[in-house]
Amino acid sequence: MRQKTAIITGASRGLGRDMALNLAKDGVNIIFSYHSNEAKANEVISEIESLGQKAIAFPFDANDYNSGKEFISKATAYLNEEYGSPNFDFLINNAGTGTYNLITDTTVAQFDDMMNVHLKSIYFLTQVALPHINESGRIINISSGLARFSLPGMSAYAMMKGGLEVFTRYLAKELGSRQITANVIAPGAIATDFAGGSNRDPEKRALIASITALGRVGEAEDIGGTVAFLCSGRAGWVNGQRIEVSGGMLV
């Protein structure tokens, strides 16, 4: 049985790392990107290899859409050399960052950063990747609970995630003839390094827990299993959907 391959952006830590490890546990080989911390990327490679799967990482700057083209070019060249084909099965657009500013304080540069990272780079990285995704492949885009509920200071970030969700529905429609599905996973508040690691602050953790049905802040380990499910044969009929993984935040 042919082993499948996933390409994940931003998997050297946090949510992306957990996605990579969950997929590796399901027998999937991993190609992933990192921004600048090669040492952390190498740690994840070692973890994946300890699970019996192959892994390699290449740099990617999500603020530069041309970097996405370079990343996919390196990934497909590696696949062609390793397996005799540049094609792969799963694309998970996870890389991202956040900015905290009220609408009155948001600068054009901050707005452009959010647009470049969460919309432009994903759109054109996906465009370049599409010819290499196998039939019956999967695309998973990572959005945010903030595209459903509103918290002050996150408008620019949340707007871009809302646009990403629209993009995902269009992917599902346009790629149906190739039996490729496209779905969104929208995490709630997660205690990672995202946005300066603010969700690890005890006071904020208590606030989040109070508005979450399951009574706690999410952890990176709460997300990867859902990604692995969507990449499995059990999720073949799930398409064009937004799946919020937030423990029931602000339900």
Protein backbone atom coordinates (compact mmCIF):
# COMPACT_ATOMS: atom_id res chain seq x y z
CA MET A 1 0.00 0.00 0.00
CA ARG A 2 1.42 3.37 -1.06
CA GLN A 3 2.33 5.64 1.83
CA LYS A 4 0.77 9.07 1.58
CA THR A 5 2.49 12.40 2.03
CA ALA A 6 1.28 15.59 3.69
CA ILE A 7 2.68 19.08 3.21
CA ILE A 8 2.13 21.28 6.26
CA THR A 9 3.14 24.90 6.61
CA GLY A 10 4.37 26.03 10.00
CA ALA A 11 4.91 22.68 11.74
CA SER A 12 8.06 23.25 13.77
CA ARG A 13 6.01 23.96 16.91
CA GLY A 14 2.52 24.44 18.29
CA LEU A 15 -0.51 23.31 16.33
CA GLY A 16 1.44 22.39 13.22
CA ARG A 17 3.77 20.12 15.14
CA ASP A 18 0.84 18.26 16.65
CA MET A 19 -0.79 17.92 13.23
CA ALA A 20 2.42 16.46 11.82
CA LEU A 21 2.78 13.95 14.66
CA ASN A 22 -0.84 12.82 14.45
CA LEU A 23 -0.56 12.28 10.71
CA ALA A 24 2.74 10.41 11.16
CA LYS A 25 1.00 8.11 13.65
CA ASP A 26 -1.46 7.33 10.85
CA GLY A 27 1.40 6.31 8.54
CA VAL A 28 1.73 9.57 6.59
CA ASN A 29 5.11 10.97 5.52
CA ILE A 30 5.56 14.66 6.27
CA ILE A 31 7.04 17.65 4.45
CA PHE A 32 6.72 20.82 6.48
CA SER A 33 7.88 24.39 6.64
CA TYR A 34 9.49 26.44 9.36
CA HIS A 35 10.06 30.18 9.50
CA SER A 36 13.53 30.55 10.99
CA ASN A 37 14.14 28.04 13.81
CA GLU A 38 15.83 25.15 12.02
CA ALA A 39 16.77 23.50 15.31
CA LYS A 40 13.11 23.16 16.30
CA ALA A 41 12.29 21.83 12.84
CA ASN A 42 14.98 19.18 13.21
CA GLU A 43 13.48 18.13 16.56
CA VAL A 44 10.12 17.56 14.86
CA ILE A 45 11.81 15.60 12.06
CA SER A 46 13.37 13.33 14.70
CA GLU A 47 10.00 12.83 16.40
CA ILE A 48 8.34 11.89 13.12
CA GLU A 49 11.15 9.51 12.20
CA SER A 50 10.83 7.86 15.61
CA LEU A 51 7.26 7.03 14.57
CA GLY A 52 8.57 5.24 11.50
CA GLN A 53 7.76 7.92 8.92
CA LYS A 54 9.90 10.08 6.67
CA ALA A 55 10.11 13.83 7.21
CA ILE A 56 11.90 16.85 5.78
CA ALA A 57 11.54 20.58 6.39
CA PHE A 58 12.14 23.65 4.24
CA PRO A 59 11.99 27.36 5.15
CA PHE A 60 8.93 29.44 4.29
CA ASP A 61 8.12 33.08 5.00
CA ALA A 62 4.34 33.44 5.05
CA ASN A 63 4.63 37.21 4.66
CA ASP A 64 6.05 36.74 1.14
CA TYR A 65 3.85 34.89 -1.35
CA ASN A 66 6.89 34.17 -3.53
CA SER A 67 8.35 32.18 -0.64
CA GLY A 68 5.40 29.80 -0.91
CA LYS A 69 6.26 29.10 -4.52
CA GLU A 70 9.85 28.34 -3.51
CA PHE A 71 8.68 26.07 -0.68
CA ILE A 72 6.41 24.02 -2.95
CA SER A 73 9.15 23.85 -5.59
CA LYS A 74 11.59 22.39 -3.06
CA ALA A 75 8.95 19.99 -1.71
CA THR A 76 7.97 18.65 -5.14
CA ALA A 77 11.62 18.34 -6.21
CA TYR A 78 12.27 16.28 -3.08
CA LEU A 79 9.23 14.09 -3.77
CA ASN A 80 10.31 13.54 -7.36
CA GLU A 81 13.79 12.50 -6.27
CA GLU A 82 12.58 10.34 -3.38
CA TYR A 83 9.54 8.66 -4.97
CA GLY A 84 9.75 9.36 -8.72
CA SER A 85 6.73 11.69 -8.66
CA PRO A 86 6.24 15.30 -7.50
CA ASN A 87 2.72 14.58 -6.30
CA PHE A 88 1.40 14.42 -2.74
CA ASP A 89 -1.89 13.85 -0.95
CA PHE A 90 -2.62 16.42 1.75
CA LEU A 91 -2.02 20.17 1.94
CA ILE A 92 -2.47 21.79 5.35
CA ASN A 93 -2.17 25.58 5.36
CA ASN A 94 -1.35 26.24 8.99
CA ALA A 95 1.45 28.84 9.14
CA GLY A 96 0.41 32.14 10.61
CA THR A 97 0.80 34.84 13.19
CA GLY A 98 -1.46 37.33 14.92
CA THR A 99 -1.60 41.00 15.76
CA TYR A 100 -3.47 42.61 18.63
CA ASN A 101 -4.69 46.12 17.88
CA LEU A 102 -8.00 47.89 18.18
CA ILE A 103 -9.42 49.15 14.89
CA THR A 104 -8.51 52.71 15.90
CA ASP A 105 -4.86 51.72 16.36
CA THR A 106 -4.28 49.31 13.45
CA THR A 107 -1.70 50.53 10.95
CA VAL A 108 -1.66 49.86 7.22
CA ALA A 109 1.52 47.82 7.68
CA GLN A 110 -0.12 45.60 10.33
CA PHE A 111 -3.19 45.13 8.15
CA ASP A 112 -1.03 44.24 5.16
CA ASP A 113 0.94 41.74 7.26
CA MET A 114 -2.27 39.93 8.20
CA MET A 115 -3.48 39.95 4.60
CA ASN A 116 -0.17 38.66 3.26
CA VAL A 117 0.17 35.90 5.85
CA HIS A 118 -3.40 34.64 6.05
CA LEU A 119 -4.77 35.26 2.57
CA LYS A 120 -2.32 36.15 -0.19
CA SER A 121 0.41 33.64 0.64
CA ILE A 122 -2.11 30.82 1.19
CA TYR A 123 -3.97 31.59 -2.02
CA PHE A 124 -0.86 31.51 -4.19
CA LEU A 125 0.91 28.68 -2.37
CA THR A 126 -2.23 26.59 -2.91
CA GLN A 127 -2.38 27.66 -6.54
CA VAL A 128 1.16 26.39 -7.13
CA ALA A 129 0.49 23.19 -5.19
CA LEU A 130 -2.78 22.24 -6.93
CA PRO A 131 -1.26 20.51 -9.99
CA HIS A 132 0.65 18.19 -7.64
CA ILE A 133 -2.19 17.11 -5.33
CA ASN A 134 -3.29 13.57 -6.08
CA GLU A 135 -6.87 12.76 -6.99
CA SER A 136 -8.92 12.25 -3.81
CA GLY A 137 -6.46 14.45 -1.95
CA ARG A 138 -7.34 16.83 0.88
CA ILE A 139 -6.80 20.52 1.54
CA ILE A 140 -7.21 21.77 5.10
CA ASN A 141 -7.03 25.46 5.93
CA ILE A 142 -6.64 26.63 9.51
CA SER A 143 -8.97 29.47 10.46
CA SER A 144 -9.99 30.66 13.93
CA GLY A 145 -12.95 30.80 16.25
CA LEU A 146 -12.54 34.57 15.89
CA ALA A 147 -14.16 34.33 12.46
CA ARG A 148 -17.39 33.38 14.30
CA PHE A 149 -17.22 35.37 17.55
CA SER A 150 -15.64 38.77 18.11
CA LEU A 151 -13.10 39.85 20.70
CA PRO A 152 -11.70 43.41 20.70
CA GLY A 153 -8.29 43.89 19.12
CA MET A 154 -8.38 41.03 16.62
CA SER A 155 -10.31 42.59 13.72
CA ALA A 156 -7.58 42.48 11.03
CA TYR A 157 -6.61 38.90 11.87
CA ALA A 158 -10.21 37.70 12.03
CA MET A 159 -11.16 39.39 8.73
CA MET A 160 -8.44 37.45 6.94
CA LYS A 161 -9.55 34.18 8.52
CA GLY A 162 -13.08 34.91 7.32
CA GLY A 163 -11.71 35.36 3.81
CA LEU A 164 -9.81 32.09 4.11
CA GLU A 165 -13.06 30.31 4.93
CA VAL A 166 -14.66 31.71 1.74
CA PHE A 167 -11.61 30.61 -0.24
CA THR A 168 -11.98 27.10 1.15
CA ARG A 169 -15.55 26.80 -0.08
CA TYR A 170 -14.44 27.86 -3.55
CA LEU A 171 -11.67 25.26 -3.50
CA ALA A 172 -14.23 22.58 -2.61
CA LYS A 173 -16.42 23.63 -5.53
CA GLU A 174 -13.68 23.97 -8.13
CA LEU A 175 -11.77 20.79 -7.19
CA GLY A 176 -14.77 18.46 -6.92
CA SER A 177 -14.11 16.98 -10.36
CA ARG A 178 -10.75 15.75 -9.03
CA GLN A 179 -12.38 14.33 -5.89
CA ILE A 180 -10.23 16.68 -3.78
CA THR A 181 -11.96 17.94 -0.65
CA ALA A 182 -11.29 21.27 1.07
CA ASN A 183 -12.26 22.02 4.65
CA VAL A 184 -11.55 24.49 7.42
CA ILE A 185 -10.54 23.77 10.98
CA ALA A 186 -11.16 26.73 13.29
CA PRO A 187 -9.40 26.40 16.66
CA GLY A 188 -10.61 28.34 19.66
CA ALA A 189 -8.21 29.86 22.19
CA ILE A 190 -5.10 27.66 22.37
CA ALA A 191 -2.22 27.96 24.81
CA THR A 192 0.69 28.15 22.35
CA ASP A 193 3.32 30.75 21.43
CA PHE A 194 0.78 32.42 19.13
CA ALA A 195 0.33 36.18 19.70
CA GLY A 196 3.13 36.20 22.25
CA GLY A 197 1.75 33.26 24.21
CA SER A 198 -0.94 35.40 25.84
CA ASN A 199 -3.29 32.43 26.27
CA ARG A 200 -0.83 31.00 28.81
CA ASP A 201 -1.37 33.96 31.13
CA PRO A 202 -3.21 32.68 34.25
CA GLU A 203 -5.74 35.51 34.26
CA LYS A 204 -6.57 35.03 30.59
CA ARG A 205 -6.74 31.26 31.00
CA ALA A 206 -9.33 31.72 33.72
CA LEU A 207 -11.38 34.04 31.50
CA ILE A 208 -11.27 31.65 28.55
CA ALA A 209 -12.19 28.69 30.76
CA SER A 210 -15.22 30.61 32.04
CA ILE A 211 -16.64 31.06 28.51
CA THR A 212 -15.80 27.56 27.24
CA ALA A 213 -18.25 24.71 27.74
CA LEU A 214 -15.51 22.21 28.58
CA GLY A 215 -14.07 24.63 31.12
CA ARG A 216 -10.46 25.06 30.02
CA VAL A 217 -8.12 26.61 27.48
CA GLY A 218 -7.29 24.49 24.45
CA GLU A 219 -3.86 22.90 24.03
CA ALA A 220 -1.99 22.16 20.80
CA GLU A 221 -2.76 18.46 21.35
CA ASP A 222 -6.48 19.18 20.98
CA ILE A 223 -6.20 20.05 17.27
CA GLY A 224 -3.98 17.54 15.44
CA GLY A 225 -6.37 14.62 15.78
CA THR A 226 -9.09 16.48 13.90
CA VAL A 227 -6.67 17.22 11.07
CA ALA A 228 -5.69 13.55 10.94
CA PHE A 229 -9.37 12.58 10.82
CA LEU A 230 -10.04 14.87 7.85
CA CYS A 231 -7.10 13.30 6.03
CA SER A 232 -8.37 9.78 6.70
CA GLY A 233 -10.66 7.62 4.62
CA ARG A 234 -13.34 8.10 7.26
CA ALA A 235 -13.80 11.77 6.26
CA GLY A 236 -14.09 11.40 2.50
CA TRP A 237 -17.62 12.82 2.38
CA VAL A 238 -16.79 15.92 4.44
CA ASN A 239 -16.29 18.81 2.03
CA GLY A 240 -16.54 22.59 2.08
CA GLN A 241 -17.10 22.60 5.82
CA ARG A 242 -15.94 24.71 8.74
CA ILE A 243 -15.23 22.57 11.80
CA GLU A 244 -14.66 24.59 14.95
CA VAL A 245 -12.43 22.85 17.49
CA SER A 246 -12.85 25.11 20.51
CA GLY A 247 -14.25 23.02 23.34
CA GLY A 248 -17.52 24.92 23.00
CA MET A 249 -16.14 28.47 23.33
CA LEU A 250 -18.93 31.05 23.40
CA VAL A 251 -21.60 28.60 22.27
